């Protein structure tokens, strides 16, 4: 079982070089950086899970800049977005950024993506919130063409461009794997139809297992190889006390990777206690090696 860790990149988080090196040295498989380009002042959208949005969400750095810093300081660590809000990005520019990072890192990029939940943010970034899921799919399709074709072009309803040169190409064949977050039935259908895997926030291995089985069945019905899909899960590390039984349960449910994340844990990291937090959960990596 691979273990990743989510680290919000803020000014207080500061030294991404030291963080990435510590994460790699402790045996973590992947470093995940989340994204919110902006948080609109006084937004009215309800926060998923209820309550107030943690203040550190206002301070997040660009994930690809942070991951580039991490790439230069490591040699094995996978470099992941968790998650990247593709509807709020230009498809061509983002395809180039990702391909460049994959090239310079030697093929270590993973993309966790989503459509976004914050209506005011999506609209501030120039996208139609109602059409965000279609824009996400078209952006993914367009980026894959940019990564695999010499003169890519794309003519979707929302993403359109004529034949262009878009280089460099990623090191990874067909480009980095793209995993979709989300839990609702439509998200499961979208994973099965379009994406390379799934990366939801979850605390229930039994529910996760049922949804993985649903995705694999839907993928088979869509003519895809269900065994080729990679399943990850964002799971609360419980300050390092997550049990081996829980890790085993997620493994048996179909997960090949657990990414350590909780709101409390992320807030500590974002406020400057990254190395302390990483050390606190290092035992999870050691335990997972026995699973």
Protein backbone atom coordinates (compact mmCIF):
# COMPACT_ATOMS: atom_id res chain seq x y z
CA UNK A 1 0.00 0.00 0.00
CA UNK A 2 1.40 3.37 -1.05
CA UNK A 3 1.04 6.29 1.35
CA UNK A 4 0.86 9.91 0.23
CA UNK A 5 0.42 13.09 2.23
CA UNK A 6 -1.46 16.30 1.45
CA UNK A 7 0.39 19.53 2.23
CA UNK A 8 -1.28 22.92 1.68
CA UNK A 9 1.42 25.23 0.33
CA UNK A 10 1.26 28.62 2.05
CA UNK A 11 3.71 31.34 3.03
CA UNK A 12 3.65 29.87 6.53
CA UNK A 13 4.28 26.36 5.19
CA UNK A 14 7.29 28.01 3.62
CA UNK A 15 10.10 25.57 2.92
CA UNK A 16 8.70 23.14 0.34
CA UNK A 17 12.24 21.91 -0.31
CA UNK A 18 12.68 20.70 3.26
CA UNK A 19 9.15 19.31 3.37
CA UNK A 20 9.56 17.31 0.15
CA UNK A 21 12.92 15.95 1.23
CA UNK A 22 11.52 14.86 4.62
CA UNK A 23 8.50 13.22 2.98
CA UNK A 24 10.71 11.31 0.54
CA UNK A 25 13.23 10.29 3.20
CA UNK A 26 10.46 8.85 5.38
CA UNK A 27 9.24 6.65 2.55
CA UNK A 28 6.07 8.44 1.49
CA UNK A 29 5.17 7.61 -2.09
CA UNK A 30 3.61 10.94 -3.04
CA UNK A 31 3.21 14.60 -2.06
CA UNK A 32 -0.16 16.16 -2.83
CA UNK A 33 -0.68 19.94 -3.09
CA UNK A 34 -4.25 21.33 -3.19
CA UNK A 35 -5.56 24.25 -5.24
CA UNK A 36 -7.88 27.21 -4.82
CA UNK A 37 -6.63 30.06 -7.04
CA UNK A 38 -8.79 32.61 -5.20
CA UNK A 39 -11.41 32.69 -2.45
CA UNK A 40 -14.00 35.39 -3.13
CA UNK A 41 -14.67 37.72 -0.20
CA UNK A 42 -18.08 37.14 1.37
CA UNK A 43 -19.00 34.13 -0.79
CA UNK A 44 -22.46 32.59 -0.18
CA UNK A 45 -21.90 28.98 -1.33
CA UNK A 46 -22.29 26.41 1.45
CA UNK A 47 -19.04 24.74 2.46
CA UNK A 48 -19.03 20.95 1.88
CA UNK A 49 -19.46 19.25 5.23
CA UNK A 50 -20.83 22.44 6.78
CA UNK A 51 -19.20 25.05 8.96
CA UNK A 52 -16.82 27.81 7.95
CA UNK A 53 -14.10 27.50 5.34
CA UNK A 54 -10.69 27.34 7.07
CA UNK A 55 -8.89 30.66 6.69
CA UNK A 56 -5.74 29.05 5.27
CA UNK A 57 -7.66 28.26 2.05
CA UNK A 58 -7.23 31.96 1.24
CA UNK A 59 -3.45 31.60 1.31
CA UNK A 60 -2.66 28.65 -0.94
CA UNK A 61 0.19 28.97 -3.44
CA UNK A 62 -0.06 27.68 -6.98
CA UNK A 63 0.29 23.87 -6.81
CA UNK A 64 2.47 23.52 -9.89
CA UNK A 65 5.00 26.07 -8.62
CA UNK A 66 5.13 24.25 -5.27
CA UNK A 67 5.47 20.87 -6.97
CA UNK A 68 8.26 22.20 -9.19
CA UNK A 69 10.18 23.19 -6.06
CA UNK A 70 9.54 19.71 -4.67
CA UNK A 71 10.69 18.11 -7.92
CA UNK A 72 14.08 19.83 -7.78
CA UNK A 73 14.65 18.61 -4.21
CA UNK A 74 13.71 14.94 -4.69
CA UNK A 75 14.35 12.00 -7.00
CA UNK A 76 11.62 9.41 -6.34
CA UNK A 77 8.67 11.23 -4.79
CA UNK A 78 5.49 11.35 -6.89
CA UNK A 79 4.25 14.92 -7.39
CA UNK A 80 0.47 15.22 -7.21
CA UNK A 81 -2.29 17.80 -7.27
CA UNK A 82 -5.02 17.19 -4.74
CA UNK A 83 -7.03 18.57 -6.30
CA UNK A 84 -6.49 20.81 -9.33
CA UNK A 85 -9.54 22.84 -10.41
CA UNK A 86 -9.17 22.47 -14.16
CA UNK A 87 -12.32 24.44 -15.11
CA UNK A 88 -10.59 27.50 -13.66
CA UNK A 89 -7.54 27.05 -15.92
CA UNK A 90 -6.75 27.51 -19.61
CA UNK A 91 -6.44 24.09 -21.23
CA UNK A 92 -3.41 24.81 -23.44
CA UNK A 93 -1.39 26.63 -20.78
CA UNK A 94 -2.15 23.94 -18.21
CA UNK A 95 -1.24 21.15 -20.59
CA UNK A 96 2.14 22.81 -21.13
CA UNK A 97 2.74 23.41 -17.41
CA UNK A 98 1.97 19.78 -16.55
CA UNK A 99 4.04 18.38 -19.41
CA UNK A 100 6.96 20.60 -18.42
CA UNK A 101 6.80 19.45 -14.80
CA UNK A 102 6.60 15.83 -15.90
CA UNK A 103 9.62 16.32 -18.16
CA UNK A 104 11.77 18.01 -15.54
CA UNK A 105 10.76 15.55 -12.81
CA UNK A 106 11.44 12.47 -14.91
CA UNK A 107 7.81 11.39 -15.19
CA UNK A 108 6.64 11.73 -11.58
CA UNK A 109 3.43 13.75 -11.98
CA UNK A 110 -0.02 12.60 -10.81
CA UNK A 111 -3.12 14.74 -11.33
CA UNK A 112 -6.02 14.72 -8.91
CA UNK A 113 -8.69 16.93 -10.49
CA UNK A 114 -12.17 18.21 -9.80
CA UNK A 115 -14.78 20.61 -11.09
CA UNK A 116 -14.90 22.78 -7.97
CA UNK A 117 -17.68 23.48 -5.46
CA UNK A 118 -17.28 27.22 -4.85
CA UNK A 119 -19.56 28.96 -7.37
CA UNK A 120 -18.20 32.44 -6.76
CA UNK A 121 -14.62 31.24 -7.29
CA UNK A 122 -15.43 29.44 -10.54
CA UNK A 123 -17.15 32.54 -11.89
CA UNK A 124 -14.38 34.87 -10.70
CA UNK A 125 -11.96 32.75 -12.71
CA UNK A 126 -14.10 33.21 -15.83
CA UNK A 127 -15.98 29.90 -16.07
CA UNK A 128 -19.70 29.10 -16.04
CA UNK A 129 -20.40 27.18 -12.81
CA UNK A 130 -23.32 25.30 -14.33
CA UNK A 131 -21.10 24.01 -17.14
CA UNK A 132 -18.05 23.20 -15.00
CA UNK A 133 -18.30 19.42 -15.34
CA UNK A 134 -18.42 19.60 -19.13
CA UNK A 135 -15.54 22.08 -19.09
CA UNK A 136 -13.54 19.71 -16.87
CA UNK A 137 -14.08 16.79 -19.24
CA UNK A 138 -13.24 18.81 -22.35
CA UNK A 139 -10.10 20.22 -20.69
CA UNK A 140 -8.93 16.70 -19.83
CA UNK A 141 -9.60 15.47 -23.36
CA UNK A 142 -7.81 18.47 -24.87
CA UNK A 143 -4.76 18.11 -22.61
CA UNK A 144 -4.40 14.44 -23.51
CA UNK A 145 -4.32 15.39 -27.18
CA UNK A 146 -1.65 18.00 -26.45
CA UNK A 147 0.44 15.37 -24.68
CA UNK A 148 0.19 12.73 -27.40
CA UNK A 149 -0.16 14.43 -30.80
CA UNK A 150 2.38 16.38 -32.82
CA UNK A 151 -0.19 18.96 -33.99
CA UNK A 152 -3.14 18.71 -31.60
CA UNK A 153 -6.46 20.45 -32.13
CA UNK A 154 -9.72 20.29 -30.22
CA UNK A 155 -13.23 21.40 -31.06
CA UNK A 156 -15.48 20.99 -28.04
CA UNK A 157 -18.42 23.10 -26.98
CA UNK A 158 -16.35 25.00 -24.41
CA UNK A 159 -12.71 24.26 -25.26
CA UNK A 160 -11.61 24.97 -28.81
CA UNK A 161 -8.30 25.51 -30.54
CA UNK A 162 -6.92 24.92 -34.06
CA UNK A 163 -3.91 22.70 -34.79
CA UNK A 164 -1.00 23.91 -32.66
CA UNK A 165 2.46 22.87 -31.57
CA UNK A 166 2.29 22.19 -27.84
CA UNK A 167 5.59 21.01 -26.46
CA UNK A 168 7.34 19.56 -24.54
CA UNK A 169 5.59 16.23 -24.24
CA UNK A 170 5.37 14.47 -20.87
CA UNK A 171 7.78 11.66 -20.04
CA UNK A 172 4.87 9.41 -19.09
CA UNK A 173 3.30 7.70 -22.06
CA UNK A 174 -0.08 9.31 -22.82
CA UNK A 175 0.64 11.85 -20.09
CA UNK A 176 0.30 11.76 -16.31
CA UNK A 177 -2.59 9.74 -14.85
CA UNK A 178 -5.67 11.83 -14.07
CA UNK A 179 -7.81 10.88 -11.07
CA UNK A 180 -11.21 12.41 -10.34
CA UNK A 181 -12.40 13.34 -6.86
CA UNK A 182 -16.05 13.24 -5.81
CA UNK A 183 -18.50 10.82 -4.22
CA UNK A 184 -21.90 11.20 -5.85
CA UNK A 185 -23.23 8.67 -8.42
CA UNK A 186 -22.49 10.99 -11.35
CA UNK A 187 -18.86 11.26 -10.22
CA UNK A 188 -18.57 7.46 -10.28
CA UNK A 189 -19.95 7.42 -13.82
CA UNK A 190 -17.47 10.10 -14.87
CA UNK A 191 -14.52 8.15 -13.47
CA UNK A 192 -15.63 5.03 -15.32
CA UNK A 193 -16.07 6.89 -18.60
CA UNK A 194 -13.15 9.33 -18.76
CA UNK A 195 -10.55 9.20 -15.99
CA UNK A 196 -7.61 7.00 -15.00
CA UNK A 197 -8.80 6.52 -11.44
CA UNK A 198 -10.59 7.88 -8.40
CA UNK A 199 -9.37 9.94 -5.40
CA UNK A 200 -12.25 10.73 -3.01
CA UNK A 201 -12.25 11.91 0.59
CA UNK A 202 -13.55 8.96 2.62
CA UNK A 203 -13.61 7.46 6.09
CA UNK A 204 -15.63 4.33 5.41
CA UNK A 205 -13.85 1.37 3.74
CA UNK A 206 -17.13 -0.49 3.19
CA UNK A 207 -18.73 2.44 1.35
CA UNK A 208 -15.50 2.97 -0.59
CA UNK A 209 -15.46 -0.70 -1.63
CA UNK A 210 -19.02 -0.58 -2.91
CA UNK A 211 -18.30 2.52 -4.97
CA UNK A 212 -15.07 1.06 -6.38
CA UNK A 213 -17.05 -1.99 -7.49
CA UNK A 214 -19.61 0.30 -9.11
CA UNK A 215 -16.90 2.22 -10.97
CA UNK A 216 -15.29 -0.98 -12.23
CA UNK A 217 -18.61 -2.36 -13.44
CA UNK A 218 -19.48 0.89 -15.21
CA UNK A 219 -16.02 0.97 -16.80
CA UNK A 220 -16.51 -2.56 -18.10
CA UNK A 221 -19.88 -1.60 -19.55
CA UNK A 222 -18.22 1.39 -21.24
CA UNK A 223 -15.70 -0.89 -22.93
CA UNK A 224 -12.77 0.06 -20.70
CA UNK A 225 -10.48 -2.23 -18.74
CA UNK A 226 -11.64 -1.84 -15.11
CA UNK A 227 -8.39 -3.29 -13.79
CA UNK A 228 -6.44 -0.43 -15.38
CA UNK A 229 -8.11 2.15 -13.14
CA UNK A 230 -6.09 3.27 -10.10
CA UNK A 231 -7.94 3.84 -6.84
CA UNK A 232 -6.71 6.27 -4.17
CA UNK A 233 -8.40 7.57 -1.02
CA UNK A 234 -7.92 10.68 1.12
CA UNK A 235 -8.11 9.36 4.69
CA UNK A 236 -7.78 10.96 8.14
CA UNK A 237 -4.39 9.90 9.61
CA UNK A 238 -5.77 10.35 13.14
CA UNK A 239 -2.51 12.02 14.16
CA UNK A 240 -0.63 8.89 13.17
CA UNK A 241 -2.93 6.53 15.08
CA UNK A 242 -4.76 5.17 12.03
CA UNK A 243 -4.84 1.40 12.52
CA UNK A 244 -3.33 -1.28 10.32
CA UNK A 245 -6.79 -2.80 10.16
CA UNK A 246 -8.10 0.38 8.56
CA UNK A 247 -5.25 0.43 6.05
CA UNK A 248 -5.88 -3.23 5.24
CA UNK A 249 -9.59 -2.53 4.86
CA UNK A 250 -8.94 0.16 2.25
CA UNK A 251 -6.47 -2.11 0.48
CA UNK A 252 -9.04 -4.89 0.37
CA UNK A 253 -11.62 -2.36 -0.84
CA UNK A 254 -9.47 -1.68 -3.91
CA UNK A 255 -7.24 1.23 -2.93
CA UNK A 256 -3.61 1.13 -4.00
CA UNK A 257 -2.87 4.44 -2.26
CA UNK A 258 -3.97 6.26 0.88
CA UNK A 259 -3.34 10.01 1.04
CA UNK A 260 -3.20 11.33 4.60
CA UNK A 261 -5.54 14.29 5.03
CA UNK A 262 -7.93 15.82 7.52
CA UNK A 263 -8.98 19.44 7.95
CA UNK A 264 -7.32 19.67 11.36
CA UNK A 265 -4.11 18.10 10.10
CA UNK A 266 -4.02 20.35 7.01
CA UNK A 267 -4.60 23.45 9.11
CA UNK A 268 -1.57 22.66 11.29
CA UNK A 269 0.56 22.19 8.20
CA UNK A 270 -0.69 25.38 6.56
CA UNK A 271 0.08 27.34 9.73
CA UNK A 272 3.74 26.35 9.83
CA UNK A 273 3.96 22.95 11.53
CA UNK A 274 4.55 20.85 8.42
CA UNK A 275 7.68 18.98 9.52
CA UNK A 276 6.21 18.25 12.94
CA UNK A 277 3.03 16.90 11.36
CA UNK A 278 4.92 14.78 8.85
CA UNK A 279 7.02 13.21 11.58
CA UNK A 280 3.90 12.51 13.62
CA UNK A 281 2.41 10.32 10.88
CA UNK A 282 5.65 8.71 9.68
CA UNK A 283 4.68 5.46 11.41
CA UNK A 284 1.77 5.08 9.01
CA UNK A 285 4.24 4.57 6.17
CA UNK A 286 6.12 1.93 8.11
CA UNK A 287 2.93 0.13 9.01
CA UNK A 288 1.65 0.21 5.43
CA UNK A 289 4.79 -1.54 4.22
CA UNK A 290 3.60 -4.61 6.10
CA UNK A 291 0.15 -4.52 4.53
